[in-house]
Amino acid sequence: MPYELSKGEVEILRVVGSKRPGRITSVGGDLVLTTCRVIFTPLDTSDVSKLLSFGLGKAGADGGIVGIVDKVQEMIGTAAPIGSGALTELSRIEAGHEGSLLKPPTLVIHGSDGSSEEIGVLEKGLSHNSSANNRAARDRFIEATVKQIAL
């Protein structure tokens, strides 16, 4: 999903990311670090969801099943900052899960308000979750974010 940069804001780093990594409700997209904030931009699946809902309806699927597809699309939403998104509102960022067959390596972003968000990171879209390259991509994102927070 697209997002707009504020005046003077510059994108620094982008990695493949997932919200709710390792869960059935995981949402893929990009994790973006800018000079001012951290943003998660989910994949735009709205057209696919509409087509799937239409197809399920035509195939005679129960209305509840069709409704689940619509709820998943609502859950995916649009590009959104992590927490408040502002780097000034982040207290720290650290490595989380190291990656396994069913869950990518993760980073955990902590807000100054006590909130936290775990995001999965992949080197590229088709990487295997347990690949060491994913951990390297996660660590590069953490390092770049720590540098931006320190500025």
Protein backbone atom coordinates (compact mmCIF):
# COMPACT_ATOMS: atom_id res chain seq x y z
CA MET A 1 0.00 0.00 0.00
CA PRO A 2 1.35 3.44 -0.84
CA TYR A 3 2.14 6.06 1.74
CA GLU A 4 3.06 9.72 1.52
CA LEU A 5 6.29 11.18 2.79
CA SER A 6 6.07 14.38 4.78
CA LYS A 7 7.97 17.44 3.60
CA GLY A 8 11.68 16.77 4.11
CA GLU A 9 11.12 13.11 5.01
CA VAL A 10 13.27 10.56 3.14
CA GLU A 11 12.99 6.77 2.95
CA ILE A 12 16.14 5.17 4.39
CA LEU A 13 15.51 1.42 4.31
CA ARG A 14 12.76 -0.98 3.24
CA VAL A 15 12.55 -4.69 4.06
CA VAL A 16 9.93 -7.36 3.49
CA GLY A 17 7.89 -7.55 6.67
CA SER A 18 4.93 -9.26 8.27
CA LYS A 19 2.61 -8.20 11.04
CA ARG A 20 1.51 -10.96 13.41
CA PRO A 21 4.33 -13.23 12.12
CA GLY A 22 3.89 -16.96 12.53
CA ARG A 23 0.11 -16.71 12.99
CA ILE A 24 -2.69 -17.60 10.63
CA THR A 25 -3.61 -13.89 10.57
CA SER A 26 -0.12 -12.82 9.47
CA VAL A 27 -0.15 -9.94 6.97
CA GLY A 28 2.70 -9.48 4.50
CA GLY A 29 4.05 -6.19 3.26
CA ASP A 30 7.02 -3.90 3.70
CA LEU A 31 8.56 -2.40 6.81
CA VAL A 32 9.88 1.05 5.98
CA LEU A 33 12.27 3.26 7.92
CA THR A 34 12.27 6.95 7.04
CA THR A 35 14.09 9.89 8.56
CA CYS A 36 11.03 10.50 10.77
CA ARG A 37 9.14 7.24 11.35
CA VAL A 38 8.70 3.48 10.95
CA ILE A 39 5.78 2.40 8.75
CA PHE A 40 4.31 -0.99 7.88
CA THR A 41 2.82 -1.02 4.37
CA PRO A 42 0.69 -4.15 3.82
CA LEU A 43 0.32 -5.73 0.41
CA ASP A 44 -2.70 -4.37 -1.42
CA THR A 45 -4.94 -7.43 -1.58
CA SER A 46 -8.27 -5.63 -1.94
CA ASP A 47 -8.82 -6.73 -5.56
CA VAL A 48 -7.99 -10.34 -4.71
CA SER A 49 -10.37 -10.25 -1.74
CA LYS A 50 -13.21 -8.88 -3.88
CA LEU A 51 -12.62 -11.56 -6.52
CA LEU A 52 -12.48 -14.31 -3.90
CA SER A 53 -15.67 -13.08 -2.20
CA PHE A 54 -17.44 -12.95 -5.57
CA GLY A 55 -16.22 -16.42 -6.55
CA LEU A 56 -17.18 -17.96 -3.21
CA GLY A 57 -20.64 -16.40 -3.47
CA LYS A 58 -21.13 -17.72 -7.01
CA ALA A 59 -19.96 -21.17 -5.91
CA GLY A 60 -22.69 -21.20 -3.27
CA ALA A 61 -20.44 -20.82 -0.24
CA ASP A 62 -22.10 -19.99 3.05
CA GLY A 63 -22.40 -16.24 3.70
CA GLY A 64 -20.31 -16.62 6.85
CA ILE A 65 -17.36 -17.88 4.83
CA VAL A 66 -17.65 -15.00 2.38
CA GLY A 67 -17.78 -12.64 5.38
CA ILE A 68 -14.49 -14.04 6.69
CA VAL A 69 -12.75 -12.94 3.48
CA ASP A 70 -14.13 -9.42 3.96
CA LYS A 71 -13.01 -9.36 7.61
CA VAL A 72 -9.48 -10.42 6.63
CA GLN A 73 -9.31 -7.52 4.16
CA GLU A 74 -10.50 -5.10 6.86
CA MET A 75 -7.84 -6.45 9.21
CA ILE A 76 -5.11 -5.91 6.62
CA GLY A 77 -6.07 -2.27 6.31
CA THR A 78 -3.75 0.32 4.87
CA ALA A 79 -0.24 1.59 5.38
CA ALA A 80 0.14 2.58 9.00
CA PRO A 81 2.87 3.70 11.35
CA ILE A 82 4.14 1.29 13.97
CA GLY A 83 2.77 2.64 17.25
CA SER A 84 2.68 6.39 16.80
CA GLY A 85 5.29 5.85 14.09
CA ALA A 86 7.41 8.82 15.06
CA LEU A 87 11.01 7.89 15.80
CA THR A 88 10.86 10.30 18.73
CA GLU A 89 8.16 8.08 20.27
CA LEU A 90 10.23 4.88 20.06
CA SER A 91 12.18 3.91 23.16
CA ARG A 92 14.09 1.00 21.60
CA ILE A 93 14.16 -1.65 18.90
CA GLU A 94 15.59 -5.11 19.44
CA ALA A 95 15.86 -8.56 17.91
CA GLY A 96 12.99 -10.90 18.73
CA HIS A 97 12.50 -14.47 17.46
CA GLU A 98 15.46 -15.91 15.55
CA GLY A 99 13.33 -17.59 12.87
CA SER A 100 12.05 -21.13 12.43
CA LEU A 101 10.18 -23.17 9.87
CA LEU A 102 6.88 -21.43 10.63
CA LYS A 103 7.99 -17.97 11.78
CA PRO A 104 10.45 -15.49 10.30
CA PRO A 105 13.05 -13.70 12.40
CA THR A 106 11.41 -10.80 14.15
CA LEU A 107 12.23 -7.44 15.61
CA VAL A 108 10.37 -5.82 18.45
CA ILE A 109 9.71 -2.09 18.44
CA HIS A 110 9.00 -0.55 21.84
CA GLY A 111 7.17 2.74 22.20
CA SER A 112 7.89 5.27 24.91
CA ASP A 113 4.28 4.69 26.07
CA GLY A 114 5.07 1.05 26.98
CA SER A 115 3.54 -0.45 23.81
CA SER A 116 5.41 -2.93 21.65
CA GLU A 117 4.97 -4.46 18.21
CA GLU A 118 6.63 -7.60 16.82
CA ILE A 119 7.33 -7.57 13.07
CA GLY A 120 8.71 -10.44 11.00
CA VAL A 121 11.51 -9.61 8.55
CA LEU A 122 12.60 -11.38 5.37
CA GLU A 123 15.48 -10.58 3.03
CA LYS A 124 13.16 -11.02 0.04
CA GLY A 125 9.58 -12.13 -0.52
CA LEU A 126 10.24 -15.81 -1.16
CA SER A 127 12.92 -16.39 1.49
CA HIS A 128 12.57 -19.39 3.77
CA ASN A 129 11.72 -18.22 7.28
CA SER A 130 14.79 -19.80 8.87
CA SER A 131 17.32 -18.34 6.38
CA ALA A 132 20.33 -16.61 7.95
CA ASN A 133 19.90 -13.89 5.28
CA ASN A 134 16.61 -12.92 6.96
CA ARG A 135 18.35 -12.44 10.30
CA ALA A 136 20.96 -10.27 8.55
CA ALA A 137 18.18 -8.15 6.95
CA ARG A 138 16.49 -7.80 10.35
CA ASP A 139 19.75 -6.79 12.01
CA ARG A 140 20.44 -4.17 9.28
CA PHE A 141 16.98 -2.69 9.90
CA ILE A 142 17.57 -2.60 13.66
CA GLU A 143 20.98 -0.95 13.20
CA ALA A 144 19.62 1.69 10.81
CA THR A 145 16.70 2.44 13.17
CA VAL A 146 18.97 2.77 16.19
CA LYS A 147 21.07 5.28 14.23
CA GLN A 148 17.97 7.31 13.31
CA ILE A 149 16.65 7.28 16.89
CA ALA A 150 20.03 8.59 18.10
CA LEU A 151 19.94 11.59 15.74
